[in-house]
Protein backbone atom coordinates (compact mmCIF):
# COMPACT_ATOMS: atom_id res chain seq x y z
CA MET A 1 143.46 184.09 88.49
CA ASP A 2 146.84 185.21 87.23
CA TRP A 3 149.31 182.47 88.14
CA ALA A 4 152.39 184.15 86.68
CA ASN A 5 155.17 184.22 89.29
CA LYS A 6 152.84 183.19 92.12
CA LYS A 7 154.72 181.24 94.78
CA VAL A 8 152.77 177.97 94.86
CA LEU A 9 153.24 174.98 97.16
CA VAL A 10 152.08 171.53 96.09
CA THR A 11 152.45 168.92 98.81
CA GLY A 12 152.44 165.43 97.32
CA GLY A 13 153.33 166.97 93.99
CA ALA A 14 155.10 163.84 92.73
CA GLY A 15 151.98 161.76 93.28
CA PHE A 16 149.27 160.91 90.77
CA VAL A 17 147.00 163.98 90.91
CA GLY A 18 149.73 166.21 92.34
CA SER A 19 152.04 165.61 89.37
CA HIS A 20 149.37 166.53 86.85
CA LEU A 21 148.56 169.66 88.88
CA THR A 22 152.25 170.58 89.06
CA ARG A 23 152.60 170.28 85.29
CA LYS A 24 149.57 172.50 84.74
CA LEU A 25 150.76 175.16 87.19
CA VAL A 26 154.16 175.29 85.49
CA SER A 27 152.44 175.82 82.14
CA LEU A 28 150.55 178.75 83.68
CA GLY A 29 153.76 180.42 84.78
CA ALA A 30 153.58 179.71 88.52
CA ASN A 31 156.71 179.43 90.66
CA VAL A 32 156.08 175.91 91.98
CA THR A 33 157.63 174.14 94.95
CA VAL A 34 156.84 170.43 95.22
CA VAL A 35 157.31 168.71 98.57
CA ASP A 36 157.16 164.92 98.42
CA ASN A 37 158.95 162.19 100.38
CA LEU A 38 158.51 159.77 97.44
CA LEU A 39 157.00 157.01 99.57
CA THR A 40 154.23 156.74 96.99
CA GLY A 41 155.14 159.60 94.66
CA ARG A 42 157.64 159.15 91.83
CA LEU A 43 160.07 161.58 90.30
CA ALA A 44 159.33 160.04 86.91
CA LEU A 45 155.86 161.61 87.06
CA ILE A 46 157.32 165.14 87.10
CA GLU A 47 160.45 164.43 85.09
CA ASP A 48 159.35 166.66 82.22
CA VAL A 49 159.00 169.73 84.49
CA HIS A 50 161.66 168.94 87.09
CA LYS A 51 163.97 171.70 85.87
CA ASN A 52 161.11 174.22 86.10
CA ILE A 53 160.22 173.62 89.75
CA THR A 54 161.82 173.53 93.18
CA PHE A 55 161.66 169.94 94.43
CA VAL A 56 162.02 169.12 98.13
CA ASN A 57 162.44 165.45 98.98
CA GLN A 58 161.06 165.56 102.51
CA ASP A 59 158.06 164.58 104.57
CA CYS A 60 155.72 167.56 104.36
CA VAL A 61 155.07 167.46 108.12
CA GLU A 62 158.74 168.20 108.76
CA TYR A 63 158.98 170.70 105.92
CA LEU A 64 156.00 172.73 107.12
CA LYS A 65 157.53 173.10 110.58
CA GLN A 66 160.00 175.51 108.95
CA LYS A 67 157.08 177.87 108.24
CA PRO A 68 157.89 178.56 104.57
CA LYS A 69 155.93 181.36 102.92
CA PHE A 70 153.73 180.79 99.85
CA ASP A 71 150.98 182.71 98.07
CA ILE A 72 148.91 179.62 97.21
CA ALA A 73 149.01 176.07 98.55
CA PHE A 74 147.55 172.79 97.27
CA HIS A 75 147.67 169.97 99.81
CA PHE A 76 147.82 166.61 98.04
CA ALA A 77 150.22 164.83 100.42
CA ALA A 78 148.55 161.76 101.88
CA ALA A 79 148.82 158.13 102.73
CA TYR A 80 146.54 157.35 99.82
CA PRO A 81 145.02 153.89 99.75
CA SER A 82 143.71 151.55 97.16
CA ARG A 83 140.79 149.51 98.45
CA ALA A 84 143.19 146.61 99.00
CA LYS A 85 145.60 148.74 101.04
CA MET A 86 142.71 150.17 103.03
CA ALA A 87 141.58 146.69 104.01
CA GLU A 88 145.11 145.38 104.53
CA ASN A 89 146.38 147.98 106.98
CA PRO A 90 143.82 150.63 108.00
CA VAL A 91 145.97 151.81 110.91
CA ALA A 92 148.62 153.07 108.47
CA LEU A 93 146.05 155.52 107.13
CA CYS A 94 145.88 157.25 110.51
CA ARG A 95 149.02 159.05 109.35
CA ASN A 96 146.70 161.26 107.32
CA PHE A 97 145.40 162.93 110.48
CA ALA A 98 148.91 164.18 111.30
CA ILE A 99 149.68 165.15 107.69
CA ASN A 100 146.50 167.21 107.38
CA ASP A 101 146.83 168.83 110.79
CA ALA A 102 150.40 169.91 110.01
CA PHE A 103 149.15 171.60 106.84
CA PHE A 104 146.32 173.44 108.58
CA GLN A 105 148.59 174.55 111.45
CA TRP A 106 151.07 175.87 108.86
CA ALA A 107 148.33 177.74 107.01
CA ALA A 108 146.97 179.27 110.22
CA GLU A 109 150.43 180.60 111.12
CA THR A 110 151.75 181.73 107.73
CA LYS A 111 148.49 182.96 106.17
CA PRO A 112 148.79 182.11 102.45
CA GLU A 113 146.34 183.92 100.18
CA ARG A 114 144.43 180.76 99.30
CA ILE A 115 144.59 177.03 99.95
CA LEU A 116 142.97 173.95 98.45
CA VAL A 117 142.59 170.61 100.22
CA PRO A 118 141.16 167.52 98.50
CA SER A 119 138.60 165.51 100.39
CA SER A 120 136.90 162.41 99.02
CA PRO A 121 133.50 160.82 98.48
CA ALA A 122 134.69 158.47 101.24
CA ALA A 123 133.66 161.29 103.59
CA TYR A 124 129.98 160.84 102.70
CA PRO A 125 127.83 158.64 104.95
CA LEU A 126 127.90 154.98 103.96
CA GLU A 127 124.13 154.64 104.22
CA LEU A 128 123.72 157.08 101.32
CA GLN A 129 125.84 154.93 98.99
CA THR A 130 123.69 151.85 98.52
CA ALA A 131 122.46 150.17 95.35
CA ASP A 132 118.81 150.47 96.35
CA LYS A 133 118.93 154.24 96.92
CA LYS A 134 121.04 155.18 93.87
CA LEU A 135 121.56 158.69 95.23
CA LYS A 136 123.67 161.27 93.49
CA LEU A 137 125.65 162.72 96.36
CA LYS A 138 125.30 166.47 96.89
CA GLU A 139 127.83 168.55 98.80
CA GLU A 140 125.37 169.26 101.61
CA MET A 141 124.89 165.54 102.31
CA PHE A 142 128.35 165.50 103.92
CA ILE A 143 127.27 165.28 107.57
CA PRO A 144 123.46 165.09 107.56
CA GLY A 145 122.08 166.16 110.90
CA GLY A 146 125.59 166.49 112.27
CA TYR A 147 126.15 162.74 112.10
CA ALA A 148 129.19 161.39 110.25
CA ASN A 149 129.53 157.82 109.02
CA PRO A 150 132.36 157.83 106.47
CA ASP A 151 134.14 154.99 104.70
CA GLU A 152 136.85 153.53 106.95
CA VAL A 153 139.75 155.44 108.53
CA TYR A 154 140.50 157.16 105.23
CA GLY A 155 137.03 158.67 105.17
CA TRP A 156 137.38 159.87 108.76
CA SER A 157 140.63 161.66 107.88
CA LYS A 158 138.74 163.55 105.20
CA VAL A 159 135.85 164.42 107.52
CA ILE A 160 138.27 165.89 110.06
CA ALA A 161 140.14 167.79 107.33
CA GLU A 162 136.91 169.40 106.17
CA ILE A 163 136.06 170.41 109.73
CA GLU A 164 139.55 171.89 110.19
CA MET A 165 139.09 173.87 106.99
CA LYS A 166 135.86 175.38 108.32
CA HIS A 167 137.73 176.60 111.40
CA LEU A 168 140.72 177.84 109.42
CA VAL A 169 138.74 180.15 107.13
CA LYS A 170 137.43 181.93 110.22
CA THR A 171 141.00 183.19 110.74
CA GLY A 172 140.98 184.95 107.37
CA VAL A 173 142.61 182.34 105.14
CA LYS A 174 140.63 181.70 101.95
CA GLY A 175 140.14 178.01 101.30
CA VAL A 176 138.23 175.39 99.39
CA ILE A 177 137.66 171.65 99.59
CA ILE A 178 137.28 169.51 96.47
CA ARG A 179 135.76 166.04 96.50
CA PRO A 180 137.00 164.24 93.39
CA PHE A 181 135.18 160.97 92.90
CA SER A 182 136.90 157.95 91.29
CA GLY A 183 139.91 159.58 89.69
CA TYR A 184 141.97 157.69 87.13
CA GLY A 185 144.41 158.44 84.36
CA ALA A 186 147.95 158.25 83.03
CA GLY A 187 150.47 157.65 85.78
CA GLN A 188 148.17 156.11 88.34
CA SER A 189 149.60 153.14 90.25
CA LEU A 190 148.65 149.59 89.28
CA ASP A 191 147.39 149.24 92.87
CA PHE A 192 144.24 151.03 91.72
CA PRO A 193 141.49 149.25 89.79
CA THR A 194 141.38 151.28 86.58
CA SER A 195 145.10 150.96 85.86
CA ALA A 196 145.11 147.33 86.97
CA LEU A 197 142.19 146.40 84.71
CA ALA A 198 143.71 148.33 81.80
CA LYS A 199 146.96 146.41 82.22
CA ARG A 200 145.08 143.09 82.25
CA ALA A 201 143.22 144.05 79.08
CA LEU A 202 146.46 145.16 77.43
CA ASN A 203 148.05 141.83 78.32
CA LYS A 204 145.02 140.04 76.82
CA GLU A 205 144.42 138.13 80.04
CA ASN A 206 141.59 135.64 79.94
CA PRO A 207 139.68 135.69 82.16
CA ILE A 208 140.01 139.26 83.36
CA VAL A 209 139.55 139.26 87.12
CA ILE A 210 137.48 141.93 88.90
CA TRP A 211 137.35 142.28 92.66
CA GLY A 212 133.82 142.11 94.04
CA PRO A 213 130.69 141.48 92.00
CA GLY A 214 131.76 143.96 89.30
CA THR A 215 128.44 145.74 89.60
CA GLN A 216 129.64 148.31 92.13
CA VAL A 217 129.07 151.72 90.54
CA ARG A 218 131.59 154.55 90.60
CA ASP A 219 131.76 158.04 89.11
CA PHE A 220 134.93 157.93 87.01
CA ILE A 221 136.74 161.20 86.38
CA TYR A 222 139.93 161.66 84.38
CA VAL A 223 142.80 163.30 86.23
CA THR A 224 143.10 166.38 84.01
CA ASP A 225 139.44 167.15 84.68
CA ILE A 226 140.23 166.99 88.40
CA VAL A 227 143.07 169.47 87.89
CA ASP A 228 140.85 171.85 85.91
CA GLY A 229 138.20 171.59 88.62
CA ALA A 230 140.77 172.30 91.33
CA LEU A 231 142.01 175.43 89.57
CA LEU A 232 138.48 176.71 89.14
CA ALA A 233 137.58 175.89 92.74
CA ILE A 234 140.53 177.74 94.28
CA LYS A 235 139.67 180.77 92.16
CA LYS A 236 135.94 180.90 92.88
CA ILE A 237 135.42 179.45 96.37
CA GLU A 238 136.99 180.94 99.47
CA ASP A 239 134.71 180.08 102.40
CA GLY A 240 136.02 176.57 102.99
CA SER A 241 133.06 174.87 101.37
CA ALA A 242 133.28 171.77 99.20
CA LEU A 243 132.90 171.06 95.50
CA ASN A 244 132.11 167.67 93.97
CA LEU A 245 134.03 166.64 90.85
CA GLY A 246 132.70 163.71 88.84
CA CYS A 247 132.09 162.77 85.23
CA GLU A 248 130.61 159.44 84.12
CA ASP A 249 129.17 156.66 86.23
CA GLY A 250 129.45 152.99 85.47
CA ASP A 251 130.40 149.69 87.02
CA PHE A 252 133.60 147.71 86.62
CA ILE A 253 132.07 145.24 84.19
CA LYS A 254 131.30 148.20 81.92
CA MET A 255 134.90 149.35 82.31
CA VAL A 256 136.33 145.95 81.36
CA ASN A 257 134.04 145.78 78.34
CA ILE A 258 135.25 149.19 77.11
CA LEU A 259 138.90 148.29 77.70
CA SER A 260 138.50 144.96 75.94
CA GLU A 261 136.88 146.61 72.94
CA LEU A 262 139.67 149.20 72.76
CA VAL A 263 142.38 146.50 72.64
CA GLY A 264 140.45 144.07 70.43
CA HIS A 265 140.01 141.44 73.12
CA SER A 266 136.97 139.31 74.05
CA PRO A 267 137.75 137.84 77.47
CA GLU A 268 135.60 136.16 80.02
CA ILE A 269 135.10 138.19 83.18
CA LYS A 270 135.71 136.52 86.52
CA THR A 271 134.43 138.27 89.65
CA LEU A 272 135.78 137.71 93.16
CA PRO A 273 132.91 138.58 95.52
CA ASP A 274 134.99 137.83 98.62
CA LYS A 275 137.52 140.60 97.89
CA PRO A 276 137.21 144.15 99.34
CA THR A 277 134.93 146.20 97.10
CA GLY A 278 133.73 149.28 98.98
CA VAL A 279 130.24 150.74 98.69
CA ALA A 280 127.75 149.63 96.07
CA TYR A 281 126.90 153.02 94.55
CA ARG A 282 129.04 156.17 94.65
CA VAL A 283 128.02 158.88 92.15
CA ALA A 284 128.42 162.68 92.32
CA ASP A 285 125.91 165.42 91.79
CA ILE A 286 128.04 168.04 90.01
CA SER A 287 125.38 170.74 89.69
CA LYS A 288 127.38 173.15 91.87
CA ALA A 289 130.54 172.74 89.77
CA LYS A 290 128.57 173.29 86.57
CA SER A 291 127.03 176.45 88.00
CA LEU A 292 130.57 177.79 88.51
CA GLY A 293 131.51 177.09 84.90
CA TRP A 294 133.24 173.69 85.17
CA GLU A 295 132.35 170.60 83.19
CA PRO A 296 134.36 167.42 82.66
CA LYS A 297 135.84 167.07 79.19
CA ILE A 298 137.12 163.50 79.05
CA SER A 299 134.60 160.68 78.66
CA LEU A 300 135.28 157.30 80.24
CA ARG A 301 136.03 155.75 76.86
CA GLU A 302 138.48 158.52 75.90
CA GLY A 303 140.09 158.42 79.33
CA LEU A 304 140.58 154.65 79.21
CA SER A 305 142.14 155.01 75.78
CA LYS A 306 144.64 157.47 77.28
CA VAL A 307 145.43 155.05 80.11
CA LEU A 308 146.07 152.22 77.64
CA LYS A 309 148.34 154.44 75.55
CA TYR A 310 150.31 155.40 78.66
CA LEU A 311 150.69 151.79 79.80
CA GLU A 312 151.89 150.73 76.35
CA SER A 313 154.89 153.04 76.67
CA HIS A 314 155.65 152.60 80.39
CA GLU A 315 156.75 149.41 82.12
CA THR A 316 155.04 150.52 85.31
CA ALA A 317 152.09 152.81 85.86
C-alpha cells in the first residue's frame, strides 16, 4: 500500500501502541491526524513527530461526531487496563463500548477506504486458556459454537467490537481486526508487568516481586512487531476477519530471569499468589499471519533489552 499523502486517522495515537504506529506512518509519508484526550496517552511519546502530524486533544467520541473524512483509520483509543486496573474498577472499562461504537458509527457514515480495529486475546473463551490444555489459540476459536466467554468486561468490549466490524463490512467498508497478544516495549506504562519488572530489575531490587505464581504463560510480542503486523493486516485483509499477532511464549519467572541476567543481577523472586493474575496460559497460533508474509522480528530477550535501555534514559515509562 502506498501511504504517501494518505489522510490517516489514529485514535489513541499518543498511547503506547498508537504512538509507535503514528511514528511509522509518518515515516511512510502519510498525512496523520492523531486524536487523543491524553487521559492515558502522553505527548512525550510522539514528541519526535509532533511537528509532522495534526494533533487533536479531544475525546475521540466527541471528535468523531463532527464526521471528519479520512482515507484510512486505525482505532487505538481505549480505556486500556492493566490486570490491576481491570480488577480494581471493571466498571470504568465499560467506557470502551461507547468508544468503539462511536468509531463504527463514524465509519458507517463517512465510509473510509479501510479501517483497522485492535481486539485482544481477552476475547477468547476463558476455558481455552488453561494450563492443562496448553492450546495455541487460533482465530476461529473466537466464539466456538456461538458461545462467548471472554476475560472480564475488557474482553466483552472486544467481542462486541469484532461483531460490529462484521456488520460494518457488509456496508462496503473494508476492515480488519488484529489480536495482539501480550504487547510490550519502549514507552509502555509502569502499570503493566513487563515495564514494571524491568524497572525492578534495573533498580536491583531484591527480592523482585511477581504478581501471581509467576508461572502464568503469555505470548510476548514487541510493539514494533505489532505495528508491522497491523500495516500488513490493513493491506491484505478487508472482510472484517481477525489476525493473531504473537511472538514468544514464556512465564513471568522466565522474564525476570532474562531481565536479571541483562542487568547483572541475581535476585530472589517473590511471588504473590493472592494478586490478580489472569488466565494460566495465553499463547497465539500465528499460522495465518505467517501465511500472509508476516513474522515477528524481535525476540523476548532483544525486546527486554530495548525496554531496559528506554527506562535507563526516561524517569517514567
